[in-house]
């Protein structure tokens, strides 16, 4: 065995090196020709056809020119515009609530004045009593409709 055993604190059981660990990765056997790093140059690993990675020399890769980055958009920042719009909406809502409260105060004040005037009038009527004497008229209207649009009206006062 060429690899040393991993460190285990005293008191822990030491695994048997002869039994394979089922949860560790399996060591693959080395195959192929030996190539020195100085002979091959820089290597880049690219995804292969079967899911693994393949070592490719950097000079063998196709050169791709990267496009120039897109220019930054000119104008105001959209996030700043949203924040400003929320502030304008809040200010408008506050001014609207102020005017609505003022209108409600006017309506309530008018209602109180009408009720107060009605109470004073009712109190004055009760204090003076009912009106005595005077002329009372009872009017009777009698309308009789006949054929071909003829109608007669009688009015009597008592």
C-alpha atoms as a PDB file:
ATOM      1  CA  UNK A   1       0.000   0.000   0.000  1.00  0.00           C
ATOM      2  CA  UNK A   2       1.498   3.358  -1.039  1.00  0.00           C
ATOM      3  CA  UNK A   3      -0.824   5.823   0.725  1.00  0.00           C
ATOM      4  CA  UNK A   4      -0.540   6.412   4.457  1.00  0.00           C
ATOM      5  CA  UNK A   5      -3.527   5.777   6.711  1.00  0.00           C
ATOM      6  CA  UNK A   6      -5.581   8.834   7.682  1.00  0.00           C
ATOM      7  CA  UNK A   7      -5.249  10.262  11.188  1.00  0.00           C
ATOM      8  CA  UNK A   8      -7.587   8.850  13.828  1.00  0.00           C
ATOM      9  CA  UNK A   9      -7.765  10.291  17.357  1.00  0.00           C
ATOM     10  CA  UNK A  10      -6.896   7.909  20.185  1.00  0.00           C
ATOM     11  CA  UNK A  11      -9.880   5.851  21.291  1.00  0.00           C
ATOM     12  CA  UNK A  12     -11.539   5.754  17.856  1.00  0.00           C
ATOM     13  CA  UNK A  13     -11.599   2.376  16.141  1.00  0.00           C
ATOM     14  CA  UNK A  14      -9.060   2.087  13.330  1.00  0.00           C
ATOM     15  CA  UNK A  15     -10.568   0.686  10.148  1.00  0.00           C
ATOM     16  CA  UNK A  16      -9.094  -2.477   8.769  1.00  0.00           C
ATOM     17  CA  UNK A  17      -6.950  -1.527   5.715  1.00  0.00           C
ATOM     18  CA  UNK A  18      -7.673  -4.875   4.079  1.00  0.00           C
ATOM     19  CA  UNK A  19     -11.444  -4.331   3.826  1.00  0.00           C
ATOM     20  CA  UNK A  20     -12.469  -1.797   1.178  1.00  0.00           C
ATOM     21  CA  UNK A  21     -14.390   1.297   2.230  1.00  0.00           C
ATOM     22  CA  UNK A  22     -17.664   1.203   0.310  1.00  0.00           C
ATOM     23  CA  UNK A  23     -18.263   4.957   0.632  1.00  0.00           C
ATOM     24  CA  UNK A  24     -14.923   6.285  -0.623  1.00  0.00           C
ATOM     25  CA  UNK A  25     -14.241   6.967  -4.308  1.00  0.00           C
ATOM     26  CA  UNK A  26     -12.693   4.092  -6.229  1.00  0.00           C
ATOM     27  CA  UNK A  27      -9.112   4.706  -7.382  1.00  0.00           C
ATOM     28  CA  UNK A  28      -8.815   4.310 -11.149  1.00  0.00           C
ATOM     29  CA  UNK A  29      -5.754   2.615 -12.607  1.00  0.00           C
ATOM     30  CA  UNK A  30      -3.421   4.896 -14.544  1.00  0.00           C
ATOM     31  CA  UNK A  31      -3.135   4.239 -18.270  1.00  0.00           C
ATOM     32  CA  UNK A  32      -1.611   5.889 -21.285  1.00  0.00           C
ATOM     33  CA  UNK A  33       1.764   7.301 -22.142  1.00  0.00           C
ATOM     34  CA  UNK A  34       3.673   9.436 -19.654  1.00  0.00           C
ATOM     35  CA  UNK A  35       3.949  13.042 -20.775  1.00  0.00           C
ATOM     36  CA  UNK A  36       5.922  15.667 -18.922  1.00  0.00           C
ATOM     37  CA  UNK A  37       4.258  19.015 -18.133  1.00  0.00           C
ATOM     38  CA  UNK A  38       7.184  20.958 -19.620  1.00  0.00           C
ATOM     39  CA  UNK A  39       6.758  19.173 -22.957  1.00  0.00           C
ATOM     40  CA  UNK A  40       3.048  19.709 -23.406  1.00  0.00           C
ATOM     41  CA  UNK A  41       2.554  23.357 -22.315  1.00  0.00           C
ATOM     42  CA  UNK A  42      -0.479  24.723 -20.465  1.00  0.00           C
ATOM     43  CA  UNK A  43      -3.481  22.405 -20.360  1.00  0.00           C
ATOM     44  CA  UNK A  44      -7.168  23.294 -20.137  1.00  0.00           C
ATOM     45  CA  UNK A  45      -9.823  20.781 -19.100  1.00  0.00           C
ATOM     46  CA  UNK A  46     -12.997  20.876 -21.224  1.00  0.00           C
ATOM     47  CA  UNK A  47     -16.184  18.770 -20.922  1.00  0.00           C
ATOM     48  CA  UNK A  48     -15.894  15.563 -22.893  1.00  0.00           C
ATOM     49  CA  UNK A  49     -18.440  13.584 -24.892  1.00  0.00           C
ATOM     50  CA  UNK A  50     -19.252  11.062 -22.139  1.00  0.00           C
ATOM     51  CA  UNK A  51     -19.627  13.403 -19.170  1.00  0.00           C
ATOM     52  CA  UNK A  52     -15.972  13.490 -18.096  1.00  0.00           C
ATOM     53  CA  UNK A  53     -13.344  16.186 -18.591  1.00  0.00           C
ATOM     54  CA  UNK A  54     -10.639  15.968 -21.251  1.00  0.00           C
ATOM     55  CA  UNK A  55      -7.239  17.707 -21.085  1.00  0.00           C
ATOM     56  CA  UNK A  56      -6.592  19.864 -24.153  1.00  0.00           C
ATOM     57  CA  UNK A  57      -3.479  21.946 -24.850  1.00  0.00           C
ATOM     58  CA  UNK A  58      -4.258  25.635 -24.794  1.00  0.00           C
ATOM     59  CA  UNK A  59      -2.781  26.231 -28.249  1.00  0.00           C
ATOM     60  CA  UNK A  60      -5.125  23.587 -29.728  1.00  0.00           C
ATOM     61  CA  UNK A  61      -8.272  25.440 -28.617  1.00  0.00           C
ATOM     62  CA  UNK A  62      -9.997  27.680 -31.164  1.00  0.00           C
ATOM     63  CA  UNK A  63      -9.605  31.364 -30.485  1.00  0.00           C
ATOM     64  CA  UNK A  64     -12.853  33.211 -29.930  1.00  0.00           C
ATOM     65  CA  UNK A  65     -12.987  36.954 -29.798  1.00  0.00           C
ATOM     66  CA  UNK A  66     -15.192  38.135 -26.974  1.00  0.00           C
ATOM     67  CA  UNK A  67     -17.633  40.855 -27.977  1.00  0.00           C
ATOM     68  CA  UNK A  68     -17.249  44.282 -26.486  1.00  0.00           C
ATOM     69  CA  UNK A  69     -19.472  44.824 -23.449  1.00  0.00           C
ATOM     70  CA  UNK A  70     -22.711  46.641 -24.072  1.00  0.00           C
ATOM     71  CA  UNK A  71     -22.635  50.316 -23.165  1.00  0.00           C
ATOM     72  CA  UNK A  72     -24.304  51.283 -19.939  1.00  0.00           C
ATOM     73  CA  UNK A  73     -27.854  52.567 -20.495  1.00  0.00           C
ATOM     74  CA  UNK A  74     -28.079  56.304 -20.292  1.00  0.00           C
ATOM     75  CA  UNK A  75     -30.831  58.030 -18.380  1.00  0.00           C
ATOM     76  CA  UNK A  76     -32.242  57.635 -14.913  1.00  0.00           C
ATOM     77  CA  UNK A  77     -31.919  54.458 -12.918  1.00  0.00           C
ATOM     78  CA  UNK A  78     -35.211  52.457 -12.983  1.00  0.00           C
ATOM     79  CA  UNK A  79     -34.898  51.633  -9.277  1.00  0.00           C
ATOM     80  CA  UNK A  80     -34.481  55.324  -8.479  1.00  0.00           C
ATOM     81  CA  UNK A  81     -37.532  56.115 -10.602  1.00  0.00           C
ATOM     82  CA  UNK A  82     -39.608  53.558  -8.666  1.00  0.00           C
ATOM     83  CA  UNK A  83     -38.502  54.989  -5.317  1.00  0.00           C
ATOM     84  CA  UNK A  84     -39.289  58.527  -6.482  1.00  0.00           C
ATOM     85  CA  UNK A  85     -42.710  57.449  -7.756  1.00  0.00           C
ATOM     86  CA  UNK A  86     -43.504  55.857  -4.381  1.00  0.00           C
ATOM     87  CA  UNK A  87     -42.546  59.095  -2.651  1.00  0.00           C
ATOM     88  CA  UNK A  88     -44.717  61.183  -4.971  1.00  0.00           C
ATOM     89  CA  UNK A  89     -47.626  58.772  -4.424  1.00  0.00           C
ATOM     90  CA  UNK A  90     -47.212  58.990  -0.644  1.00  0.00           C
ATOM     91  CA  UNK A  91     -47.156  62.795  -0.788  1.00  0.00           C
ATOM     92  CA  UNK A  92     -50.272  62.832  -2.984  1.00  0.00           C
ATOM     93  CA  UNK A  93     -52.067  60.434  -0.659  1.00  0.00           C
ATOM     94  CA  UNK A  94     -51.170  62.623   2.322  1.00  0.00           C
ATOM     95  CA  UNK A  95     -52.443  65.793   0.646  1.00  0.00           C
ATOM     96  CA  UNK A  96     -55.612  63.971  -0.437  1.00  0.00           C
ATOM     97  CA  UNK A  97     -56.213  62.738   3.109  1.00  0.00           C
ATOM     98  CA  UNK A  98     -55.715  66.304   4.390  1.00  0.00           C
ATOM     99  CA  UNK A  99     -58.326  67.703   1.987  1.00  0.00           C
ATOM    100  CA  UNK A 100     -60.728  64.818   2.731  1.00  0.00           C
ATOM    101  CA  UNK A 101     -60.424  65.467   6.463  1.00  0.00           C
ATOM    102  CA  UNK A 102     -61.107  69.173   5.887  1.00  0.00           C
ATOM    103  CA  UNK A 103     -64.210  68.381   3.825  1.00  0.00           C
ATOM    104  CA  UNK A 104     -65.438  65.929   6.473  1.00  0.00           C
ATOM    105  CA  UNK A 105     -64.964  68.609   9.148  1.00  0.00           C
ATOM    106  CA  UNK A 106     -67.062  71.068   7.096  1.00  0.00           C
ATOM    107  CA  UNK A 107     -69.840  68.475   6.631  1.00  0.00           C
ATOM    108  CA  UNK A 108     -69.892  67.571  10.320  1.00  0.00           C
ATOM    109  CA  UNK A 109     -69.882  71.263  11.314  1.00  0.00           C
ATOM    110  CA  UNK A 110     -72.812  71.985   8.969  1.00  0.00           C
ATOM    111  CA  UNK A 111     -74.738  68.981  10.286  1.00  0.00           C
ATOM    112  CA  UNK A 112     -74.211  70.122  13.880  1.00  0.00           C
ATOM    113  CA  UNK A 113     -75.438  73.621  13.004  1.00  0.00           C
ATOM    114  CA  UNK A 114     -78.572  72.275  11.280  1.00  0.00           C
ATOM    115  CA  UNK A 115     -79.382  69.999  14.225  1.00  0.00           C
ATOM    116  CA  UNK A 116     -78.799  72.871  16.663  1.00  0.00           C
ATOM    117  CA  UNK A 117     -81.078  75.194  14.673  1.00  0.00           C
ATOM    118  CA  UNK A 118     -83.761  72.501  14.514  1.00  0.00           C
ATOM    119  CA  UNK A 119     -83.497  71.940  18.268  1.00  0.00           C
ATOM    120  CA  UNK A 120     -83.842  75.676  18.951  1.00  0.00           C
ATOM    121  CA  UNK A 121     -86.881  75.897  16.646  1.00  0.00           C
ATOM    122  CA  UNK A 122     -88.512  72.861  18.296  1.00  0.00           C
ATOM    123  CA  UNK A 123     -87.810  74.273  21.761  1.00  0.00           C
ATOM    124  CA  UNK A 124     -89.309  77.634  20.807  1.00  0.00           C
ATOM    125  CA  UNK A 125     -92.420  75.940  19.403  1.00  0.00           C
ATOM    126  CA  UNK A 126     -92.891  73.907  22.579  1.00  0.00           C
ATOM    127  CA  UNK A 127     -92.291  76.907  24.817  1.00  0.00           C
ATOM    128  CA  UNK A 128     -94.869  79.130  23.098  1.00  0.00           C
ATOM    129  CA  UNK A 129     -97.492  76.405  22.785  1.00  0.00           C
ATOM    130  CA  UNK A 130     -99.792  75.759  19.846  1.00  0.00           C
ATOM    131  CA  UNK A 131    -101.378  78.447  17.787  1.00  0.00           C
ATOM    132  CA  UNK A 132    -104.975  79.130  18.829  1.00  0.00           C
ATOM    133  CA  UNK A 133    -107.707  80.369  16.590  1.00  0.00           C
ATOM    134  CA  UNK A 134    -107.241  81.358  13.003  1.00  0.00           C
ATOM    135  CA  UNK A 135    -108.867  80.200   9.792  1.00  0.00           C
ATOM    136  CA  UNK A 136    -108.642  76.592   8.698  1.00  0.00           C
ATOM    137  CA  UNK A 137    -109.675  75.567   5.201  1.00  0.00           C
ATOM    138  CA  UNK A 138    -110.332  72.056   4.032  1.00  0.00           C
ATOM    139  CA  UNK A 139    -110.247  71.748   0.274  1.00  0.00           C
ATOM    140  CA  UNK A 140    -111.836  68.826  -1.601  1.00  0.00           C
ATOM    141  CA  UNK A 141    -110.840  68.161  -5.183  1.00  0.00           C
ATOM    142  CA  UNK A 142    -113.080  65.808  -7.140  1.00  0.00           C
ATOM    143  CA  UNK A 143    -112.176  64.828 -10.715  1.00  0.00           C
ATOM    144  CA  UNK A 144    -114.577  62.752 -12.812  1.00  0.00           C
ATOM    145  CA  UNK A 145    -113.237  61.297 -16.081  1.00  0.00           C
ATOM    146  CA  UNK A 146    -115.676  60.312 -18.832  1.00  0.00           C
ATOM    147  CA  UNK A 147    -115.622  58.871 -22.309  1.00  0.00           C
ATOM    148  CA  UNK A 148    -113.642  60.505 -25.140  1.00  0.00           C
ATOM    149  CA  UNK A 149    -111.403  62.518 -22.820  1.00  0.00           C
ATOM    150  CA  UNK A 150    -114.096  64.494 -21.023  1.00  0.00           C
ATOM    151  CA  UNK A 151    -113.417  65.239 -17.367  1.00  0.00           C
ATOM    152  CA  UNK A 152    -115.007  67.492 -14.774  1.00  0.00           C
ATOM    153  CA  UNK A 153    -113.341  68.913 -11.642  1.00  0.00           C
ATOM    154  CA  UNK A 154    -115.135  70.081  -8.517  1.00  0.00           C
ATOM    155  CA  UNK A 155    -113.377  72.083  -5.782  1.00  0.00           C
ATOM    156  CA  UNK A 156    -115.079  72.824  -2.435  1.00  0.00           C
ATOM    157  CA  UNK A 157    -113.724  74.700   0.549  1.00  0.00           C
ATOM    158  CA  UNK A 158    -115.255  74.342   3.976  1.00  0.00           C
END
